[in-house]
Protein backbone atom coordinates (compact mmCIF):
# COMPACT_ATOMS: atom_id res chain seq x y z
CA MET A 1 67.20 75.75 109.46
CA SER A 2 68.27 76.22 105.87
CA PHE A 3 68.21 79.41 103.85
CA SER A 4 68.35 80.00 100.13
CA ARG A 5 71.71 80.72 98.58
CA THR A 6 70.29 84.00 97.25
CA GLU A 7 69.27 85.15 100.73
CA ILE A 8 72.69 84.34 102.20
CA GLU A 9 74.51 85.85 99.23
CA ASP A 10 72.47 89.07 99.51
CA ALA A 11 73.31 89.34 103.23
CA PHE A 12 76.97 88.65 102.49
CA GLN A 13 77.04 91.34 99.80
CA ARG A 14 75.50 93.81 102.28
CA PHE A 15 78.17 92.76 104.79
CA GLN A 16 80.91 93.50 102.24
CA ASP A 17 79.37 96.80 101.12
CA THR A 18 78.96 98.08 104.67
CA ALA A 19 82.53 97.03 105.55
CA GLU A 20 83.79 99.10 102.62
CA ARG A 21 81.76 102.16 103.63
CA SER A 22 82.67 101.79 107.31
CA ALA A 23 86.38 101.39 106.59
CA LYS A 24 86.37 104.56 104.49
CA SER A 25 84.32 106.64 106.95
CA GLY A 26 85.67 105.25 110.22
CA ASP A 27 82.10 104.79 111.51
CA TRP A 28 81.50 101.06 112.01
CA THR A 29 77.89 101.34 113.22
CA GLU A 30 76.35 100.22 109.92
CA TRP A 31 78.74 97.25 109.68
CA ALA A 32 77.93 96.13 113.23
CA SER A 33 74.25 96.19 112.26
CA CYS A 34 74.96 93.18 110.01
CA PHE A 35 75.03 91.07 113.20
CA THR A 36 72.27 89.83 115.47
CA GLU A 37 71.98 91.52 118.88
CA ASP A 38 73.45 88.40 120.53
CA ALA A 39 76.09 87.58 117.90
CA GLN A 40 79.34 85.88 118.83
CA TYR A 41 82.61 87.15 117.34
CA TYR A 42 85.91 85.30 117.73
CA GLU A 43 88.97 87.22 116.64
CA HIS A 44 91.99 85.07 117.38
CA HIS A 45 94.27 87.97 118.32
CA TYR A 46 91.73 90.10 120.24
CA GLY A 47 89.59 87.37 121.76
CA ARG A 48 85.85 86.65 121.94
CA MET A 49 83.09 89.22 121.90
CA THR A 50 79.39 88.77 122.57
CA GLY A 51 76.67 91.00 121.21
CA ARG A 52 76.43 93.66 118.56
CA ALA A 53 77.31 96.46 121.01
CA GLU A 54 80.53 94.75 122.12
CA ILE A 55 81.47 94.00 118.49
CA LEU A 56 80.88 97.66 117.57
CA LYS A 57 82.96 98.92 120.50
CA TRP A 58 85.84 96.58 119.63
CA ILE A 59 85.90 97.28 115.88
CA SER A 60 85.55 101.05 116.36
CA GLU A 61 88.42 101.21 118.85
CA THR A 62 90.65 98.76 116.97
CA MET A 63 90.26 100.34 113.56
CA ALA A 64 90.80 103.86 114.96
CA GLU A 65 94.28 102.89 116.24
CA TRP A 66 97.30 103.46 114.02
CA PRO A 67 98.36 101.57 111.88
CA ASN A 68 94.98 99.80 111.69
CA SER A 69 93.48 103.17 110.73
CA GLU A 70 95.55 102.97 107.53
CA MET A 71 93.87 99.69 106.51
CA ARG A 72 90.70 100.75 104.71
CA SER A 73 90.12 98.11 102.08
CA PHE A 74 88.90 94.56 102.66
CA PRO A 75 87.99 93.02 99.29
CA ILE A 76 86.89 89.39 99.23
CA ASP A 77 89.25 87.20 97.22
CA TRP A 78 86.93 84.15 97.17
CA TYR A 79 84.05 82.68 99.14
CA VAL A 80 81.92 79.57 99.48
CA ILE A 81 78.39 79.29 100.84
CA ASP A 82 76.84 76.27 102.53
CA GLU A 83 73.18 77.20 102.24
CA ASP A 84 72.02 74.05 104.07
CA ARG A 85 73.87 75.07 107.23
CA GLY A 86 74.04 78.84 106.72
CA TRP A 87 77.84 79.14 106.64
CA VAL A 88 79.96 81.50 104.56
CA LEU A 89 83.72 81.01 104.37
CA CYS A 90 85.73 83.69 102.61
CA SER A 91 89.26 84.88 102.02
CA VAL A 92 89.62 88.58 102.87
CA ARG A 93 92.39 90.81 101.54
CA ASN A 94 93.40 93.30 104.26
CA VAL A 95 94.93 96.11 102.20
CA MET A 96 96.93 98.98 103.66
CA ASP A 97 96.65 102.46 102.17
CA ASP A 98 99.37 103.40 99.69
CA PRO A 99 102.45 104.27 101.78
CA GLY A 100 103.37 106.96 99.25
CA ASP A 101 105.44 104.97 96.79
CA GLY A 102 102.68 103.04 95.01
CA SER A 103 103.64 99.71 96.61
CA ASN A 104 101.01 97.20 97.71
CA HIS A 105 100.93 95.89 101.29
CA GLU A 106 98.26 93.36 102.19
CA GLU A 107 97.68 90.14 104.06
CA TYR A 108 94.88 87.59 103.91
CA ASN A 109 92.61 86.19 106.56
CA TRP A 110 89.84 83.64 106.37
CA THR A 111 86.51 84.68 107.81
CA LEU A 112 83.80 82.25 108.83
CA LEU A 113 80.28 83.69 109.12
CA HIS A 114 77.07 82.02 110.24
CA TYR A 115 73.88 83.34 108.73
CA ALA A 116 70.93 83.69 111.14
CA GLY A 117 68.22 84.94 108.80
CA ASP A 118 66.68 88.37 108.24
CA GLY A 119 69.91 89.55 106.57
CA LEU A 120 71.95 89.12 109.78
CA PHE A 121 74.91 87.02 110.88
CA SER A 122 75.10 85.44 114.34
CA TYR A 123 78.76 84.42 114.31
CA GLU A 124 82.06 85.56 112.86
CA GLU A 125 85.48 84.06 113.31
CA ASP A 126 88.64 85.50 111.77
CA LEU A 127 91.55 83.14 111.19
CA TYR A 128 95.04 84.34 110.21
CA ASN A 129 98.68 84.25 111.15
CA PRO A 130 99.47 87.32 113.30
CA ASN A 131 103.18 86.98 112.50
CA GLU A 132 102.47 87.37 108.78
CA PHE A 133 100.34 90.44 109.49
CA ALA A 134 103.13 91.91 111.63
CA GLU A 135 105.66 91.40 108.83
CA MET A 136 103.33 93.03 106.33
CA ILE A 137 102.87 96.03 108.66
CA LYS A 138 106.65 96.32 109.17
CA GLY A 139 107.12 96.42 105.40
CA TRP A 140 104.40 99.03 105.04
CA ILE A 141 105.94 101.23 107.77
CA ALA A 142 109.38 100.97 106.13
CA ALA A 143 107.89 101.91 102.74
CA LYS A 144 106.01 104.83 104.31
CA LYS A 145 109.20 106.13 105.98
CA ALA A 146 111.22 105.75 102.78
CA ALA A 147 108.56 107.54 100.72
CA ALA A 148 108.50 110.43 103.21
CA SER A 149 112.29 110.90 103.00
């Protein structure tokens, strides 16, 4: 089934907007509502999840843990849409809060989303190098410690 680019783009914008609100508030319920009830989510570090409820449980627990709780900004660097197949591929900036010295600490991941219609996505897969994320976090922690001294 194919969808119009406008329909997919509108759903993707809602996805981005709810991620921003959820990251700031710590309540990921609205973001999880961007998925179908039976959505599949593949996060290469955390594994595979099935269903909106499982996705919500995972994201809520994961983003409440420190230092993940200090990552509250996920702007999209670029994206492409394949409206014939319903795919969105985007580059996401995972930005840590300011450690106190004004320095920037972020790492990118690629996210693949499949649009299912009615403003909802049925699949997400996050691709990234966990070692690069770990190095970024180490740098952020060091900057935070130095700024607190």
